[in-house]
């Protein structure tokens, strides 16, 4: 007989999202998705993508043909999520000596 592992995959996903965060400082962006932490300097960040329907924003990294989700910002937080992405865009513009638009 087999053992049914009902609920454990959902628990793992919830825990992974719950451990996630996004932090920005003068050097760049640090974010954790589940148990993996990423640190990206501003000079390596191309842009942030957060379109209608995206469950969370993505950071587009210059050195890689890659976009990484930032699970620490959730679409379900609505206005707060928009505010967080807006602040990240301002910090990115400041790092490049530009004005956010």
Protein backbone atom coordinates (compact mmCIF):
# COMPACT_ATOMS: atom_id res chain seq x y z
CA UNK A 1 0.00 0.00 0.00
CA UNK A 2 1.00 3.55 -0.64
CA UNK A 3 0.77 6.58 1.59
CA UNK A 4 -1.18 9.53 0.26
CA UNK A 5 0.68 12.79 0.88
CA UNK A 6 -2.41 14.98 0.75
CA UNK A 7 -1.77 18.59 1.67
CA UNK A 8 2.02 18.50 1.71
CA UNK A 9 2.55 20.02 -1.76
CA UNK A 10 0.19 22.88 -0.87
CA UNK A 11 1.99 23.36 2.43
CA UNK A 12 5.35 23.49 0.66
CA UNK A 13 4.09 26.14 -1.78
CA UNK A 14 2.55 28.23 1.00
CA UNK A 15 5.72 28.00 3.07
CA UNK A 16 7.87 28.92 0.07
CA UNK A 17 5.81 32.02 -0.64
CA UNK A 18 5.68 32.87 3.05
CA UNK A 19 9.49 32.83 3.30
CA UNK A 20 9.87 35.10 0.28
CA UNK A 21 10.87 38.75 0.53
CA UNK A 22 12.17 41.66 -1.55
CA UNK A 23 14.63 44.23 -0.16
CA UNK A 24 16.31 47.12 -1.92
CA UNK A 25 19.21 49.27 -0.76
CA UNK A 26 21.80 51.57 -2.35
CA UNK A 27 23.78 48.60 -3.72
CA UNK A 28 20.92 46.71 -5.34
CA UNK A 29 18.16 44.22 -4.84
CA UNK A 30 18.05 41.16 -2.60
CA UNK A 31 15.10 38.84 -2.83
CA UNK A 32 14.29 35.36 -1.66
CA UNK A 33 11.93 33.02 -3.46
CA UNK A 34 11.27 30.13 -1.13
CA UNK A 35 14.68 28.99 0.07
CA UNK A 36 16.84 30.54 -2.69
CA UNK A 37 18.17 34.07 -2.18
CA UNK A 38 19.22 36.29 -5.09
CA UNK A 39 21.35 39.44 -4.82
CA UNK A 40 21.51 41.62 -7.93
CA UNK A 41 23.36 44.97 -8.11
CA UNK A 42 21.45 47.84 -9.73
CA UNK A 43 23.93 47.81 -12.62
CA UNK A 44 22.74 44.31 -13.57
CA UNK A 45 19.03 45.12 -13.48
CA UNK A 46 17.48 46.02 -16.82
CA UNK A 47 13.89 46.60 -15.70
CA UNK A 48 10.97 45.38 -13.64
CA UNK A 49 8.03 43.75 -15.38
CA UNK A 50 4.64 43.80 -13.68
CA UNK A 51 1.80 43.47 -16.15
CA UNK A 52 -1.90 43.04 -15.52
CA UNK A 53 -2.47 39.40 -14.73
CA UNK A 54 1.08 38.72 -13.46
CA UNK A 55 0.79 37.12 -10.02
CA UNK A 56 4.02 38.89 -8.96
CA UNK A 57 6.56 41.23 -10.55
CA UNK A 58 9.67 40.04 -12.36
CA UNK A 59 13.16 41.51 -12.37
CA UNK A 60 14.89 41.45 -15.78
CA UNK A 61 18.62 40.86 -15.36
CA UNK A 62 21.08 42.28 -17.92
CA UNK A 63 23.75 39.58 -17.74
CA UNK A 64 21.31 36.75 -18.33
CA UNK A 65 18.51 36.19 -20.76
CA UNK A 66 16.30 35.70 -17.80
CA UNK A 67 13.58 37.18 -15.73
CA UNK A 68 13.20 36.18 -12.13
CA UNK A 69 9.93 36.39 -10.21
CA UNK A 70 9.91 38.27 -6.93
CA UNK A 71 7.51 36.19 -4.86
CA UNK A 72 7.77 38.60 -1.94
CA UNK A 73 5.45 41.00 -3.76
CA UNK A 74 2.03 39.50 -4.40
CA UNK A 75 -0.65 40.76 -6.82
CA UNK A 76 -3.21 39.97 -4.11
CA UNK A 77 -1.80 42.91 -2.11
CA UNK A 78 -3.16 45.21 -4.84
CA UNK A 79 -2.24 48.86 -4.13
CA UNK A 80 0.62 47.90 -1.83
CA UNK A 81 2.13 45.69 -4.56
CA UNK A 82 1.84 48.54 -7.10
CA UNK A 83 3.51 50.88 -4.60
CA UNK A 84 6.37 48.44 -3.99
CA UNK A 85 7.07 48.00 -7.71
CA UNK A 86 6.88 51.77 -8.20
CA UNK A 87 9.47 52.27 -5.46
CA UNK A 88 11.76 49.66 -7.03
CA UNK A 89 11.49 51.45 -10.39
CA UNK A 90 12.40 54.76 -8.75
CA UNK A 91 15.44 53.17 -7.08
CA UNK A 92 16.52 51.65 -10.39
CA UNK A 93 16.17 55.02 -12.16
CA UNK A 94 18.16 56.69 -9.35
CA UNK A 95 20.91 54.08 -9.70
CA UNK A 96 21.24 55.00 -13.39
CA UNK A 97 20.93 58.75 -12.71
CA UNK A 98 17.60 58.94 -14.52
CA UNK A 99 14.12 59.98 -13.55
CA UNK A 100 11.48 57.29 -13.29
CA UNK A 101 8.74 57.66 -15.83
